[in-house]
Amino acid sequence: MAATTVTPVVRPDRHLTLVQPGAAAARASIARASARDEHPGFLGLGGLRPTRRGRVVLVLLATLLVAPFVGMGAQAAASDPQRPLEVRVHTVAPGETLWGFATQLAAAGQDVRDVVAELREINELRSAELRVGQAILLPVE
């Protein structure tokens, strides 16, 4: 009675497959080699396959490399040169309000609240309240 021997072959996916000695083992190794040739691996680096942690590290590295350029673009947009604002000094008289000045200075269709905010910023005011005799800067129309 002839005995058939079966030898286990360990594949990269860590599953055992029973094959008969001889031709079947040769076919399996050729199949593995051709599968490696079809899939060049991660970034064409052969059989290199990054783990989940490796992919996370690569994403973080890419983010760190790109972030400064995004910040520089935002800074360049924010520091875009604008024409200088011409202003005149005005002394506040009784009954004058920042809202009144903003109403006079607002362009057609412009929100008066935005003009009030600009006047507060130009004059470094914490509120929209004015005192009689206070010197404020008003844009030249």
C-alpha atoms as a PDB file:
ATOM      1  CA  MET A   1       0.000   0.000   0.000  1.00  0.00           C
ATOM      2  CA  ALA A   2       1.481   3.299  -1.109  1.00  0.00           C
ATOM      3  CA  ALA A   3       1.311   6.235   1.247  1.00  0.00           C
ATOM      4  CA  THR A   4       0.762   9.783   0.009  1.00  0.00           C
ATOM      5  CA  THR A   5       2.523  12.485   1.955  1.00  0.00           C
ATOM      6  CA  VAL A   6       1.024  15.930   2.289  1.00  0.00           C
ATOM      7  CA  THR A   7       3.189  18.904   3.267  1.00  0.00           C
ATOM      8  CA  PRO A   8       1.793  22.230   4.488  1.00  0.00           C
ATOM      9  CA  VAL A   9       2.914  25.384   2.688  1.00  0.00           C
ATOM     10  CA  VAL A  10       2.808  28.670   4.595  1.00  0.00           C
ATOM     11  CA  ARG A  11       1.555  31.589   2.496  1.00  0.00           C
ATOM     12  CA  PRO A  12       2.122  35.265   3.271  1.00  0.00           C
ATOM     13  CA  ASP A  13      -1.512  35.607   4.350  1.00  0.00           C
ATOM     14  CA  ARG A  14      -0.697  33.094   7.124  1.00  0.00           C
ATOM     15  CA  HIS A  15      -3.174  30.398   6.100  1.00  0.00           C
ATOM     16  CA  LEU A  16      -2.029  26.826   5.697  1.00  0.00           C
ATOM     17  CA  THR A  17      -2.822  25.069   2.456  1.00  0.00           C
ATOM     18  CA  LEU A  18      -2.343  21.374   1.927  1.00  0.00           C
ATOM     19  CA  VAL A  19      -0.654  20.517  -1.374  1.00  0.00           C
ATOM     20  CA  GLN A  20       0.739  17.356  -2.840  1.00  0.00           C
ATOM     21  CA  PRO A  21       4.472  17.175  -3.360  1.00  0.00           C
ATOM     22  CA  GLY A  22       5.778  17.959  -6.810  1.00  0.00           C
ATOM     23  CA  ALA A  23       3.942  19.916  -9.470  1.00  0.00           C
ATOM     24  CA  ALA A  24       1.329  21.511  -7.219  1.00  0.00           C
ATOM     25  CA  ALA A  25       3.983  23.118  -5.013  1.00  0.00           C
ATOM     26  CA  ALA A  26       5.796  24.479  -8.062  1.00  0.00           C
ATOM     27  CA  ARG A  27       2.555  25.960  -9.425  1.00  0.00           C
ATOM     28  CA  ALA A  28       1.830  27.612  -6.072  1.00  0.00           C
ATOM     29  CA  SER A  29       5.258  29.264  -5.911  1.00  0.00           C
ATOM     30  CA  ILE A  30       4.937  30.467  -9.529  1.00  0.00           C
ATOM     31  CA  ALA A  31       1.478  31.866  -8.760  1.00  0.00           C
ATOM     32  CA  ARG A  32       2.851  33.745  -5.746  1.00  0.00           C
ATOM     33  CA  ALA A  33       5.722  35.167  -7.793  1.00  0.00           C
ATOM     34  CA  SER A  34       3.433  36.317 -10.602  1.00  0.00           C
ATOM     35  CA  ALA A  35       1.025  37.879  -8.089  1.00  0.00           C
ATOM     36  CA  ARG A  36       3.927  39.891  -6.670  1.00  0.00           C
ATOM     37  CA  ASP A  37       4.855  41.044 -10.173  1.00  0.00           C
ATOM     38  CA  GLU A  38       1.295  42.229 -10.894  1.00  0.00           C
ATOM     39  CA  HIS A  39       1.117  44.232  -7.665  1.00  0.00           C
ATOM     40  CA  PRO A  40       4.285  46.311  -7.325  1.00  0.00           C
ATOM     41  CA  GLY A  41       3.393  47.171  -3.734  1.00  0.00           C
ATOM     42  CA  PHE A  42       3.017  50.470  -1.952  1.00  0.00           C
ATOM     43  CA  LEU A  43       4.387  53.369  -4.019  1.00  0.00           C
ATOM     44  CA  GLY A  44       6.116  50.887  -6.317  1.00  0.00           C
ATOM     45  CA  LEU A  45       8.461  49.753  -3.542  1.00  0.00           C
ATOM     46  CA  GLY A  46       8.172  46.028  -4.148  1.00  0.00           C
ATOM     47  CA  GLY A  47       6.405  44.005  -1.496  1.00  0.00           C
ATOM     48  CA  LEU A  48       6.272  46.861   1.017  1.00  0.00           C
ATOM     49  CA  ARG A  49       2.761  47.155   2.447  1.00  0.00           C
ATOM     50  CA  PRO A  50       2.292  49.761   5.195  1.00  0.00           C
ATOM     51  CA  THR A  51       0.363  48.894   8.306  1.00  0.00           C
ATOM     52  CA  ARG A  52      -2.482  51.028   9.588  1.00  0.00           C
ATOM     53  CA  ARG A  53      -0.069  52.825  11.898  1.00  0.00           C
ATOM     54  CA  GLY A  54       2.265  53.408   8.957  1.00  0.00           C
ATOM     55  CA  ARG A  55      -0.541  54.940   6.891  1.00  0.00           C
ATOM     56  CA  VAL A  56      -1.479  57.221   9.807  1.00  0.00           C
ATOM     57  CA  VAL A  57       2.138  58.344  10.106  1.00  0.00           C
ATOM     58  CA  LEU A  58       2.283  59.049   6.357  1.00  0.00           C
ATOM     59  CA  VAL A  59      -0.911  61.122   6.505  1.00  0.00           C
ATOM     60  CA  LEU A  60       0.416  63.103   9.475  1.00  0.00           C
ATOM     61  CA  LEU A  61       3.713  63.720   7.687  1.00  0.00           C
ATOM     62  CA  ALA A  62       1.918  64.921   4.573  1.00  0.00           C
ATOM     63  CA  THR A  63      -0.265  67.212   6.687  1.00  0.00           C
ATOM     64  CA  LEU A  64       2.772  68.673   8.437  1.00  0.00           C
ATOM     65  CA  LEU A  65       4.455  69.304   5.101  1.00  0.00           C
ATOM     66  CA  VAL A  66       1.413  71.006   3.544  1.00  0.00           C
ATOM     67  CA  ALA A  67       0.227  73.052   6.565  1.00  0.00           C
ATOM     68  CA  PRO A  68       2.909  75.798   6.394  1.00  0.00           C
ATOM     69  CA  PHE A  69       2.080  76.499   2.760  1.00  0.00           C
ATOM     70  CA  VAL A  70      -1.616  76.824   3.559  1.00  0.00           C
ATOM     71  CA  GLY A  71      -0.743  79.252   6.360  1.00  0.00           C
ATOM     72  CA  MET A  72       1.481  81.313   4.067  1.00  0.00           C
ATOM     73  CA  GLY A  73      -1.320  81.578   1.515  1.00  0.00           C
ATOM     74  CA  ALA A  74      -3.756  82.839   4.146  1.00  0.00           C
ATOM     75  CA  GLN A  75      -1.190  85.327   5.441  1.00  0.00           C
ATOM     76  CA  ALA A  76      -0.494  86.612   1.927  1.00  0.00           C
ATOM     77  CA  ALA A  77      -4.212  87.122   1.326  1.00  0.00           C
ATOM     78  CA  ALA A  78      -4.614  88.922   4.658  1.00  0.00           C
ATOM     79  CA  SER A  79      -1.640  91.217   4.067  1.00  0.00           C
ATOM     80  CA  ASP A  80      -2.754  92.156   0.567  1.00  0.00           C
ATOM     81  CA  PRO A  81      -1.795  95.800   0.139  1.00  0.00           C
ATOM     82  CA  GLN A  82      -4.784  98.128   0.156  1.00  0.00           C
ATOM     83  CA  ARG A  83      -4.905 101.774  -0.680  1.00  0.00           C
ATOM     84  CA  PRO A  84      -4.319 103.961   2.373  1.00  0.00           C
ATOM     85  CA  LEU A  85      -7.410 105.381   4.014  1.00  0.00           C
ATOM     86  CA  GLU A  86      -7.572 109.173   3.969  1.00  0.00           C
ATOM     87  CA  VAL A  87      -9.005 110.523   7.201  1.00  0.00           C
ATOM     88  CA  ARG A  88      -9.767 113.880   8.744  1.00  0.00           C
ATOM     89  CA  VAL A  89      -9.947 114.800  12.421  1.00  0.00           C
ATOM     90  CA  HIS A  90     -13.381 115.863  13.661  1.00  0.00           C
ATOM     91  CA  THR A  91     -14.285 117.223  17.090  1.00  0.00           C
ATOM     92  CA  VAL A  92     -17.576 115.796  18.330  1.00  0.00           C
ATOM     93  CA  ALA A  93     -20.313 118.415  18.846  1.00  0.00           C
ATOM     94  CA  PRO A  94     -23.403 117.996  21.056  1.00  0.00           C
ATOM     95  CA  GLY A  95     -25.965 115.620  19.516  1.00  0.00           C
ATOM     96  CA  GLU A  96     -23.525 113.901  17.120  1.00  0.00           C
ATOM     97  CA  THR A  97     -23.376 110.108  17.225  1.00  0.00           C
ATOM     98  CA  LEU A  98     -21.232 107.474  15.602  1.00  0.00           C
ATOM     99  CA  TRP A  99     -24.383 106.095  13.971  1.00  0.00           C
ATOM    100  CA  GLY A 100     -25.060 109.541  12.441  1.00  0.00           C
ATOM    101  CA  PHE A 101     -21.545 109.715  10.980  1.00  0.00           C
ATOM    102  CA  ALA A 102     -21.866 106.161   9.666  1.00  0.00           C
ATOM    103  CA  THR A 103     -25.186 107.005   7.991  1.00  0.00           C
ATOM    104  CA  GLN A 104     -23.553 109.942   6.180  1.00  0.00           C
ATOM    105  CA  LEU A 105     -20.498 107.909   5.135  1.00  0.00           C
ATOM    106  CA  ALA A 106     -22.241 104.674   4.078  1.00  0.00           C
ATOM    107  CA  ALA A 107     -22.301 104.035   0.341  1.00  0.00           C
ATOM    108  CA  ALA A 108     -25.571 103.184  -1.370  1.00  0.00           C
ATOM    109  CA  GLY A 109     -26.632  99.707  -0.283  1.00  0.00           C
ATOM    110  CA  GLN A 110     -23.881  99.420   2.360  1.00  0.00           C
ATOM    111  CA  ASP A 111     -24.964  98.279   5.819  1.00  0.00           C
ATOM    112  CA  VAL A 112     -24.613 101.147   8.312  1.00  0.00           C
ATOM    113  CA  ARG A 113     -23.640  98.661  11.047  1.00  0.00           C
ATOM    114  CA  ASP A 114     -20.533  97.724   9.047  1.00  0.00           C
ATOM    115  CA  VAL A 115     -19.574 101.404   8.751  1.00  0.00           C
ATOM    116  CA  VAL A 116     -20.050 101.856  12.515  1.00  0.00           C
ATOM    117  CA  ALA A 117     -17.744  98.858  13.090  1.00  0.00           C
ATOM    118  CA  GLU A 118     -15.120 100.378  10.749  1.00  0.00           C
ATOM    119  CA  LEU A 119     -15.307 103.744  12.550  1.00  0.00           C
ATOM    120  CA  ARG A 120     -14.899 102.008  15.906  1.00  0.00           C
ATOM    121  CA  GLU A 121     -11.866 100.136  14.559  1.00  0.00           C
ATOM    122  CA  ILE A 122     -10.255 103.260  13.064  1.00  0.00           C
ATOM    123  CA  ASN A 123     -10.717 105.205  16.311  1.00  0.00           C
ATOM    124  CA  GLU A 124      -9.979 102.224  18.593  1.00  0.00           C
ATOM    125  CA  LEU A 125     -13.294 102.678  20.432  1.00  0.00           C
ATOM    126  CA  ARG A 126     -14.635  99.998  22.776  1.00  0.00           C
ATOM    127  CA  SER A 127     -18.232 101.125  22.222  1.00  0.00           C
ATOM    128  CA  ALA A 128     -20.172 103.398  19.869  1.00  0.00           C
ATOM    129  CA  GLU A 129     -20.539 106.120  22.525  1.00  0.00           C
ATOM    130  CA  LEU A 130     -18.974 109.522  21.831  1.00  0.00           C
ATOM    131  CA  ARG A 131     -18.288 112.425  24.231  1.00  0.00           C
ATOM    132  CA  VAL A 132     -18.678 116.090  23.329  1.00  0.00           C
ATOM    133  CA  GLY A 133     -15.254 117.510  22.442  1.00  0.00           C
ATOM    134  CA  GLN A 134     -13.774 114.090  21.643  1.00  0.00           C
ATOM    135  CA  ALA A 135     -11.528 114.083  18.549  1.00  0.00           C
ATOM    136  CA  ILE A 136     -12.330 111.244  16.151  1.00  0.00           C
ATOM    137  CA  LEU A 137     -11.031 110.223  12.748  1.00  0.00           C
ATOM    138  CA  LEU A 138     -13.528 110.164   9.884  1.00  0.00           C
ATOM    139  CA  PRO A 139     -12.773 108.901   6.377  1.00  0.00           C
ATOM    140  CA  VAL A 140     -12.692 111.574   3.692  1.00  0.00           C
ATOM    141  CA  GLU A 141     -15.660 111.091   1.345  1.00  0.00           C
END
